[in-house]
Amino acid sequence: MKQFNVPIIYRSPLISAVKARRKQLDKMKKDFSPTLLDFGPVRIYLARHFGFCYGVENAIDIAFRTIEENPGKRIFLLSEMIHNQQVNADLKERGVQFLQDTYGKQLFPFDELTKEDVVIIPAFGTTLDIEKKLNAIGIVTEKYNTTCPFVEKVWNRSEQIAKKEYTVVVHGKPRHEETRATFSHASAHTPTVIVNDMAEAIELSKYITGEKNPEDFAAEFAGKCSAGFDVTSDLERIGVVNQTTMLASDTQAIAEFLKQVMIKKHNLTAANTEERFADTRDTLCYATNDNQSAVYGLLETRADLAIVVGGYNSSNTSHLVELCEGKLPTYFINAEEKILSASAIRHYNMHRKEEQVTENFLPRKETIDILITSGASCPDALVEEVIGKIVSFFPAQKSIEELAGEFLQPA
């Protein structure tokens, strides 16, 4: 796999050593058991897979190289390149400006851009409309485009089934940059509708079966369907693709549910199912799959609590939190300073959309077991900082440097 030039400030000697050892021992990535970091009074279990993925490293490489290659020029990011506050803050410190916020709100007017300006397309991609606006100004969007290849894979799959006259159903968060981009690309070729979850998929199915009045569709799916969407004809043949960072089991469940709806309505058999339901296969990216599978493996370990590190607006990270919350007390943080002391932690409550402080989050016992993972846009250095903060509260038998040295020894 291609190697990227990622700034050393995002690297971690400990995590790099751990990942190298695990890769050496498990080249086929079939072992999803965690890695034990035994500090004596506190034992930390690291997920098998976590942290920067291919798409994120590619985006960071391009962004920092763009800054170096364009001294004196105004450089803009269309929106957050990735959902990580540290990376985006570092880019801002180097003079990069943001054109939009993460939800598409304009921060810098397009009409004030010139063809001499540089605009970086984020890893999530962007809409065809925005590309057209930038190209009309004279800005070449292809030159500094960090769109993740796995996102482009979803666009290509959508176009393929569109050519066979299927309507595209996108499983994703309607306001997320990636889903907005995928919706734009898919709807340019075929009728397209977004479902956020199984509940919305069930409501969509009622229009397929005729249980709901077609006249109600436009209002119920306002902002989630392509212009001119005709329920009476556009739901006769469908295929499901997804925002690459969604929970894999959710996408699979939605696809299977809608498939069964189509089979029942049209009295299909296994041999002719594709007449009505496209075989899109799973369009989730490899890193999302690996990270989620690693969390399932992580949760097989008995522990007192879990800590998930990443951006609060990161979709893939939120799903890791969701998985952990179902098994044990879980704390979602975006920086080591959110661990206030050995007895208090400030963490993000996804359900209330706000931070809260929990007291006595570390149990009082002789040995504490903690599960740790992070999202695909979280630097390994940040994970090491979190580990260091936790270990600092205990008379550890080994230092982080000593453990890193052990993992560097031949297996």
Protein backbone atom coordinates (compact mmCIF):
# COMPACT_ATOMS: atom_id res chain seq x y z
CA MET A 1 0.00 0.00 0.00
CA LYS A 2 1.18 3.51 -0.80
CA GLN A 3 3.16 5.29 1.92
CA PHE A 4 2.31 8.88 2.83
CA ASN A 5 4.34 11.71 4.30
CA VAL A 6 2.41 12.43 7.49
CA PRO A 7 3.92 15.06 9.86
CA ILE A 8 5.79 13.50 12.77
CA ILE A 9 3.65 15.47 15.24
CA TYR A 10 0.84 13.01 14.51
CA ARG A 11 2.99 9.92 15.04
CA SER A 12 3.53 7.94 18.23
CA PRO A 13 6.60 5.82 18.95
CA LEU A 14 4.54 3.49 21.15
CA ILE A 15 1.60 3.07 18.77
CA SER A 16 3.89 2.70 15.75
CA ALA A 17 5.79 -0.09 17.54
CA VAL A 18 2.55 -1.83 18.55
CA LYS A 19 1.07 -1.63 15.06
CA ALA A 20 4.30 -2.85 13.44
CA ARG A 21 4.44 -5.86 15.77
CA ARG A 22 0.79 -6.76 15.16
CA LYS A 23 1.23 -6.44 11.41
CA GLN A 24 4.29 -8.68 11.56
CA LEU A 25 2.41 -11.37 13.49
CA ASP A 26 -0.89 -11.04 11.64
CA LYS A 27 -0.25 -10.04 8.02
CA MET A 28 -3.68 -11.24 6.85
CA LYS A 29 -5.45 -9.18 9.57
CA LYS A 30 -7.50 -12.11 10.82
CA ASP A 31 -6.75 -11.64 14.52
CA PHE A 32 -8.99 -8.95 16.02
CA SER A 33 -7.93 -9.49 19.63
CA PRO A 34 -6.56 -6.39 21.38
CA THR A 35 -2.98 -5.60 22.38
CA LEU A 36 -2.26 -5.56 26.11
CA LEU A 37 -0.18 -2.71 27.52
CA ASP A 38 0.51 -3.82 31.07
CA PHE A 39 1.57 -0.93 33.30
CA GLY A 40 1.01 -2.87 36.52
CA PRO A 41 -1.83 -1.17 38.43
CA VAL A 42 -3.48 -0.18 35.13
CA ARG A 43 -3.77 -2.45 32.12
CA ILE A 44 -4.71 -0.93 28.79
CA TYR A 45 -6.10 -3.00 25.94
CA LEU A 46 -5.62 -1.35 22.54
CA ALA A 47 -7.93 -2.28 19.69
CA ARG A 48 -6.26 -4.25 16.88
CA HIS A 49 -7.08 -1.52 14.35
CA PHE A 50 -7.59 2.21 14.98
CA GLY A 51 -6.33 5.61 13.95
CA PHE A 52 -5.45 7.18 10.60
CA CYS A 53 -6.74 5.28 7.58
CA TYR A 54 -5.49 5.38 3.97
CA GLY A 55 -7.88 8.19 3.00
CA VAL A 56 -6.96 10.38 5.96
CA GLU A 57 -3.20 9.93 5.49
CA ASN A 58 -3.63 10.70 1.78
CA ALA A 59 -5.57 13.89 2.62
CA ILE A 60 -3.02 15.07 5.19
CA ASP A 61 -0.13 14.35 2.82
CA ILE A 62 -1.75 16.37 0.00
CA ALA A 63 -2.79 19.24 2.27
CA PHE A 64 0.63 19.83 3.84
CA ARG A 65 2.35 19.39 0.47
CA THR A 66 -0.04 21.93 -1.05
CA ILE A 67 1.03 24.49 1.57
CA GLU A 68 4.70 23.88 0.80
CA GLU A 69 4.17 24.11 -2.96
CA ASN A 70 2.21 27.38 -2.89
CA PRO A 71 4.09 29.98 -0.83
CA GLY A 72 2.41 33.38 -0.90
CA LYS A 73 -0.87 32.07 -2.29
CA ARG A 74 -4.20 32.05 -0.54
CA ILE A 75 -5.06 28.47 0.32
CA PHE A 76 -8.58 27.38 1.22
CA LEU A 77 -10.10 24.17 2.47
CA LEU A 78 -13.60 23.68 1.16
CA SER A 79 -14.59 22.47 4.65
CA GLU A 80 -13.00 20.41 7.40
CA MET A 81 -10.54 18.15 5.61
CA ILE A 82 -11.18 15.41 8.15
CA HIS A 83 -13.11 15.43 11.39
CA ASN A 84 -10.19 16.08 13.70
CA GLN A 85 -9.80 19.38 15.54
CA GLN A 86 -6.01 19.08 15.90
CA VAL A 87 -5.33 18.56 12.18
CA ASN A 88 -7.71 21.32 11.13
CA ALA A 89 -6.22 23.70 13.73
CA ASP A 90 -2.70 22.94 12.48
CA LEU A 91 -3.74 23.79 8.92
CA LYS A 92 -5.32 27.05 10.09
CA GLU A 93 -2.07 27.96 11.87
CA ARG A 94 -0.31 27.56 8.53
CA GLY A 95 -2.65 30.10 6.94
CA VAL A 96 -5.28 27.80 5.45
CA GLN A 97 -8.79 29.30 5.48
CA PHE A 98 -12.13 27.46 5.46
CA LEU A 99 -14.77 28.22 2.82
CA GLN A 100 -17.57 26.36 4.63
CA ASP A 101 -18.26 24.76 7.97
CA THR A 102 -18.88 21.04 8.30
CA TYR A 103 -22.60 21.46 7.48
CA GLY A 104 -22.09 23.53 4.34
CA LYS A 105 -22.64 26.99 5.84
CA GLN A 106 -20.63 29.58 3.88
CA LEU A 107 -17.74 31.14 5.83
CA PHE A 108 -15.97 32.82 2.91
CA PRO A 109 -17.90 33.94 -0.20
CA PHE A 110 -17.17 32.06 -3.40
CA ASP A 111 -17.45 35.31 -5.35
CA GLU A 112 -14.37 36.63 -3.53
CA LEU A 113 -12.22 33.76 -4.80
CA THR A 114 -9.94 34.17 -7.80
CA LYS A 115 -8.35 31.71 -10.21
CA GLU A 116 -5.04 32.31 -8.42
CA ASP A 117 -6.40 30.86 -5.19
CA VAL A 118 -5.86 27.24 -4.19
CA VAL A 119 -8.85 25.21 -2.95
CA ILE A 120 -8.36 21.80 -1.34
CA ILE A 121 -11.26 19.36 -1.66
CA PRO A 122 -11.65 17.42 1.64
CA ALA A 123 -11.46 13.65 2.08
CA PHE A 124 -15.27 13.48 2.09
CA GLY A 125 -15.43 14.82 -1.47
CA THR A 126 -17.85 17.54 -2.54
CA THR A 127 -20.95 18.12 -4.61
CA LEU A 128 -20.99 18.56 -8.36
CA ASP A 129 -22.59 21.99 -7.89
CA ILE A 130 -19.67 23.24 -5.79
CA GLU A 131 -17.15 21.78 -8.24
CA LYS A 132 -18.92 23.64 -11.04
CA LYS A 133 -18.81 26.95 -9.11
CA LEU A 134 -15.09 26.59 -8.41
CA ASN A 135 -14.29 25.56 -11.98
CA ALA A 136 -16.22 28.56 -13.30
CA ILE A 137 -13.90 30.82 -11.30
CA GLY A 138 -10.94 29.11 -12.91
CA ILE A 139 -9.93 26.97 -9.93
CA VAL A 140 -8.80 23.49 -10.95
CA THR A 141 -10.40 21.25 -8.34
CA GLU A 142 -8.67 18.09 -9.56
CA LYS A 143 -5.20 19.37 -8.66
CA TYR A 144 -5.67 19.46 -4.88
CA ASN A 145 -8.44 16.91 -4.42
CA THR A 146 -8.06 14.74 -1.31
CA THR A 147 -11.32 12.79 -1.83
CA CYS A 148 -10.90 9.33 -0.32
CA PRO A 149 -10.70 6.62 -3.00
CA PHE A 150 -13.21 4.55 -1.04
CA VAL A 151 -15.72 7.40 -1.25
CA GLU A 152 -15.11 7.56 -4.99
CA LYS A 153 -15.73 3.81 -5.09
CA VAL A 154 -19.26 4.44 -3.78
CA TRP A 155 -19.82 7.11 -6.46
CA ASN A 156 -18.64 4.70 -9.15
CA ARG A 157 -20.90 1.95 -7.85
CA SER A 158 -23.85 4.33 -7.85
CA GLU A 159 -23.15 5.30 -11.45
CA GLN A 160 -22.89 1.65 -12.47
CA ILE A 161 -26.30 0.72 -11.13
CA ALA A 162 -27.78 3.98 -12.42
CA LYS A 163 -26.88 2.86 -15.95
CA LYS A 164 -29.07 -0.20 -15.31
CA GLU A 165 -31.94 2.12 -14.31
CA TYR A 166 -31.90 1.47 -10.58
CA THR A 167 -32.78 4.19 -8.10
CA VAL A 168 -30.06 4.73 -5.50
CA VAL A 169 -30.88 4.55 -1.79
CA VAL A 170 -28.06 6.12 0.24
CA HIS A 171 -27.70 4.99 3.85
CA GLY A 172 -26.09 8.01 5.49
CA LYS A 173 -26.45 11.09 7.63
CA PRO A 174 -28.14 13.71 5.41
CA ARG A 175 -26.09 16.66 6.75
CA HIS A 176 -22.72 14.89 6.61
CA GLU A 177 -20.31 16.18 3.93
CA GLU A 178 -19.75 12.73 2.47
CA THR A 179 -23.45 11.91 2.20
CA ARG A 180 -24.15 15.29 0.57
CA ALA A 181 -21.38 14.58 -1.96
CA THR A 182 -22.55 11.02 -2.65
CA PHE A 183 -26.14 12.20 -3.03
CA SER A 184 -25.00 14.83 -5.54
CA HIS A 185 -23.03 12.36 -7.64
CA ALA A 186 -25.71 9.67 -7.56
CA SER A 187 -28.61 12.01 -8.31
CA ALA A 188 -26.79 13.30 -11.39
CA HIS A 189 -27.40 9.86 -12.94
CA THR A 190 -30.56 8.48 -11.35
CA PRO A 191 -33.33 9.23 -8.83
CA THR A 192 -31.78 9.15 -5.35
CA VAL A 193 -33.10 9.13 -1.78
CA ILE A 194 -31.30 9.17 1.60
CA VAL A 195 -32.28 7.09 4.64
CA ASN A 196 -30.57 7.89 7.93
CA ASP A 197 -31.44 4.65 9.72
CA MET A 198 -33.68 1.58 9.77
CA ALA A 199 -36.66 3.62 10.94
CA GLU A 200 -36.47 5.76 7.80
CA ALA A 201 -35.91 2.67 5.65
CA ILE A 202 -39.13 1.21 7.05
CA GLU A 203 -41.03 4.40 6.20
CA LEU A 204 -39.54 4.34 2.69
CA SER A 205 -40.68 0.74 2.30
CA LYS A 206 -44.28 1.80 2.91
CA TYR A 207 -44.13 3.87 -0.26
CA ILE A 208 -42.76 0.83 -2.10
CA THR A 209 -45.61 -1.38 -0.91
CA GLY A 210 -48.27 1.29 -1.36
CA GLU A 211 -49.11 1.52 2.34
CA LYS A 212 -48.43 5.26 2.27
CA ASN A 213 -49.91 7.93 0.03
CA PRO A 214 -47.38 8.96 -2.68
CA GLU A 215 -48.43 12.57 -2.17
CA ASP A 216 -46.89 12.52 1.33
CA PHE A 217 -43.43 11.46 0.14
CA ALA A 218 -42.10 14.89 -0.84
CA ALA A 219 -42.80 16.33 2.60
CA GLU A 220 -41.54 13.32 4.55
CA PHE A 221 -38.28 13.07 2.60
CA ALA A 222 -37.78 16.78 1.99
CA GLY A 223 -34.10 17.50 1.49
CA LYS A 224 -33.39 13.78 1.23
CA CYS A 225 -34.56 13.02 -2.30
CA SER A 226 -33.59 14.19 -5.76
CA ALA A 227 -35.65 16.75 -7.65
CA GLY A 228 -38.72 15.32 -9.36
CA PHE A 229 -38.57 12.04 -7.45
CA ASP A 230 -41.63 10.02 -8.51
CA VAL A 231 -42.62 7.43 -5.92
CA THR A 232 -44.86 5.55 -8.34
CA SER A 233 -42.00 4.77 -10.73
CA ASP A 234 -38.70 5.50 -9.01
CA LEU A 235 -39.04 2.79 -6.36
CA GLU A 236 -39.61 -0.07 -8.79
CA ARG A 237 -35.88 -0.92 -9.01
CA ILE A 238 -33.48 0.07 -6.21
CA GLY A 239 -29.95 -0.44 -4.94
CA VAL A 240 -28.40 0.52 -1.58
CA VAL A 241 -25.03 2.24 -1.11
CA ASN A 242 -23.74 4.00 1.98
CA GLN A 243 -21.77 6.73 3.61
CA THR A 244 -18.53 4.80 4.09
CA THR A 245 -18.32 5.49 7.83
CA MET A 246 -21.71 4.12 8.87
CA LEU A 247 -22.08 1.11 11.15
CA ALA A 248 -21.63 -1.92 8.87
CA SER A 249 -24.32 -3.99 10.57
CA ASP A 250 -26.83 -1.15 10.11
CA THR A 251 -26.16 -0.83 6.38
CA GLN A 252 -26.36 -4.58 5.92
CA ALA A 253 -29.64 -4.74 7.86
CA ILE A 254 -31.19 -1.89 5.83
CA ALA A 255 -30.12 -3.43 2.52
CA GLU A 256 -31.44 -6.86 3.50
CA PHE A 257 -34.72 -5.36 4.75
CA LEU A 258 -35.37 -3.42 1.53
CA LYS A 259 -34.35 -6.46 -0.51
CA GLN A 260 -36.97 -8.57 1.25
CA VAL A 261 -39.58 -5.85 0.68
CA MET A 262 -38.85 -5.94 -3.05
CA ILE A 263 -38.87 -9.75 -3.12
CA LYS A 264 -42.26 -9.86 -1.42
CA LYS A 265 -43.85 -7.11 -3.53
CA HIS A 266 -42.68 -8.47 -6.88
CA ASN A 267 -42.78 -12.19 -5.96
CA LEU A 268 -39.11 -12.62 -6.78
CA THR A 269 -36.98 -15.73 -6.52
CA ALA A 270 -33.27 -16.00 -5.77
CA ALA A 271 -32.66 -16.30 -9.50
CA ASN A 272 -34.39 -13.06 -10.49
CA THR A 273 -33.92 -10.81 -7.43
CA GLU A 274 -31.60 -8.51 -9.40
CA GLU A 275 -34.49 -7.58 -11.66
CA ARG A 276 -35.62 -5.29 -8.83
CA PHE A 277 -32.76 -5.06 -6.30
CA ALA A 278 -29.20 -4.28 -7.33
CA ASP A 279 -26.28 -6.28 -5.98
CA THR A 280 -24.20 -3.37 -4.69
CA ARG A 281 -22.18 -5.47 -2.23
CA ASP A 282 -20.80 -3.64 0.77
CA THR A 283 -19.54 -0.15 -0.01
CA LEU A 284 -18.18 0.43 3.49
CA CYS A 285 -14.46 1.26 3.42
CA TYR A 286 -11.87 -1.25 4.62
CA ALA A 287 -10.78 0.92 7.57
CA THR A 288 -14.33 1.33 8.88
CA ASN A 289 -14.79 -2.43 8.61
CA ASP A 290 -11.48 -3.17 10.31
CA ASN A 291 -11.99 -0.65 13.11
CA GLN A 292 -15.50 -1.89 13.86
CA SER A 293 -14.40 -5.54 13.75
CA ALA A 294 -11.52 -4.65 16.07
CA VAL A 295 -13.95 -3.12 18.57
CA TYR A 296 -16.03 -6.30 18.55
CA GLY A 297 -12.80 -8.17 19.34
CA LEU A 298 -11.86 -5.58 21.97
CA LEU A 299 -15.19 -5.98 23.73
CA GLU A 300 -14.55 -9.67 24.29
CA THR A 301 -12.02 -8.57 26.93
CA ARG A 302 -13.42 -8.00 30.41
CA ALA A 303 -12.70 -4.44 31.47
CA ASP A 304 -13.88 -1.67 33.78
CA LEU A 305 -14.39 1.01 31.14
CA ALA A 306 -13.68 2.08 27.58
CA ILE A 307 -12.23 5.30 26.20
CA VAL A 308 -12.80 6.26 22.57
CA VAL A 309 -10.65 9.08 21.21
CA GLY A 310 -11.65 11.20 18.23
CA GLY A 311 -13.54 14.18 16.86
CA TYR A 312 -17.00 14.72 18.25
CA ASN A 313 -18.39 15.25 14.72
CA SER A 314 -16.66 12.15 13.36
CA SER A 315 -19.22 9.65 12.09
CA ASN A 316 -16.95 6.59 12.16
CA THR A 317 -15.80 7.42 15.70
CA SER A 318 -19.37 7.86 16.97
CA HIS A 319 -20.21 4.35 15.80
CA LEU A 320 -17.25 2.93 17.76
CA VAL A 321 -18.63 4.72 20.82
CA GLU A 322 -22.04 3.27 20.09
CA LEU A 323 -20.63 -0.26 20.05
CA CYS A 324 -18.72 0.22 23.31
CA GLU A 325 -21.62 1.87 25.14
CA GLY A 326 -23.64 -1.29 24.71
CA LYS A 327 -21.18 -3.26 26.84
CA LEU A 328 -19.56 -1.05 29.50
CA PRO A 329 -19.08 2.56 30.72
CA THR A 330 -17.63 4.48 27.76
CA TYR A 331 -16.02 7.91 27.62
CA PHE A 332 -15.74 9.75 24.30
CA ILE A 333 -12.97 12.38 24.39
CA ASN A 334 -11.11 14.43 21.78
CA ALA A 335 -7.97 15.29 23.75
CA GLU A 336 -5.95 14.09 26.73
CA GLU A 337 -6.73 17.26 28.70
CA LYS A 338 -10.34 16.09 28.91
CA ILE A 339 -9.08 13.66 31.54
CA LEU A 340 -9.19 16.23 34.34
CA SER A 341 -7.79 14.06 37.13
CA ALA A 342 -7.72 10.50 38.42
CA SER A 343 -11.32 11.00 39.50
CA ALA A 344 -12.91 13.21 36.82
CA ILE A 345 -13.27 13.18 33.05
CA ARG A 346 -14.96 15.61 30.68
CA HIS A 347 -16.46 13.62 27.83
CA TYR A 348 -18.94 13.97 25.01
CA ASN A 349 -22.48 12.68 25.35
CA MET A 350 -23.56 11.87 21.79
CA HIS A 351 -27.20 11.64 22.74
CA ARG A 352 -27.36 15.09 24.31
CA LYS A 353 -24.79 16.55 21.89
CA GLU A 354 -22.82 18.11 24.73
CA GLU A 355 -19.85 17.52 26.99
CA GLN A 356 -20.37 16.45 30.58
CA VAL A 357 -18.15 15.73 33.55
CA THR A 358 -18.24 12.34 35.22
CA GLU A 359 -16.71 11.93 38.67
CA ASN A 360 -15.02 8.75 39.88
CA PHE A 361 -14.74 7.36 36.35
CA LEU A 362 -11.73 5.24 37.39
CA PRO A 363 -12.80 2.52 39.83
CA ARG A 364 -10.96 2.15 43.12
CA LYS A 365 -9.41 -1.29 42.85
CA GLU A 366 -5.97 -2.86 42.81
CA THR A 367 -5.83 -3.32 39.02
CA ILE A 368 -7.88 -1.35 36.50
CA ASP A 369 -8.55 -2.65 32.99
CA ILE A 370 -9.28 -0.06 30.28
CA LEU A 371 -10.21 -0.57 26.63
CA ILE A 372 -9.00 2.11 24.20
CA THR A 373 -9.64 2.76 20.53
CA SER A 374 -9.86 5.80 18.25
CA GLY A 375 -11.48 6.96 15.04
CA ALA A 376 -9.98 6.91 11.55
CA SER A 377 -9.17 10.64 11.70
CA CYS A 378 -7.46 10.56 15.11
CA PRO A 379 -3.65 10.90 15.26
CA ASP A 380 -1.79 8.09 17.05
CA ALA A 381 0.07 10.77 19.01
CA LEU A 382 -3.19 11.76 20.65
CA VAL A 383 -3.88 8.18 21.71
CA GLU A 384 -0.42 7.98 23.28
CA GLU A 385 -1.08 11.25 25.14
CA VAL A 386 -4.29 9.78 26.55
CA ILE A 387 -2.46 6.65 27.65
CA GLY A 388 0.29 8.77 29.22
CA LYS A 389 -2.24 10.85 31.15
CA ILE A 390 -3.93 7.75 32.58
CA VAL A 391 -0.65 6.07 33.49
CA SER A 392 0.53 9.25 35.26
CA PHE A 393 -2.08 8.66 37.96
CA PHE A 394 -0.52 5.36 38.99
CA PRO A 395 2.89 4.14 40.20
CA ALA A 396 3.43 2.28 36.93
CA GLN A 397 5.84 -0.63 36.80
CA LYS A 398 6.90 0.32 33.26
CA SER A 399 7.10 3.55 31.33
CA ILE A 400 5.63 4.14 27.88
CA GLU A 401 9.16 4.28 26.48
CA GLU A 402 10.03 0.90 28.02
CA LEU A 403 6.90 -0.72 26.57
CA ALA A 404 7.59 0.77 23.14
CA GLY A 405 11.10 -0.70 23.31
CA GLU A 406 9.69 -4.15 24.07
CA PHE A 407 7.43 -4.05 21.02
CA LEU A 408 10.39 -3.07 18.86
CA GLN A 409 12.19 -6.29 19.81
CA PRO A 410 12.00 -9.16 17.26
CA ALA A 411 8.81 -11.20 17.64
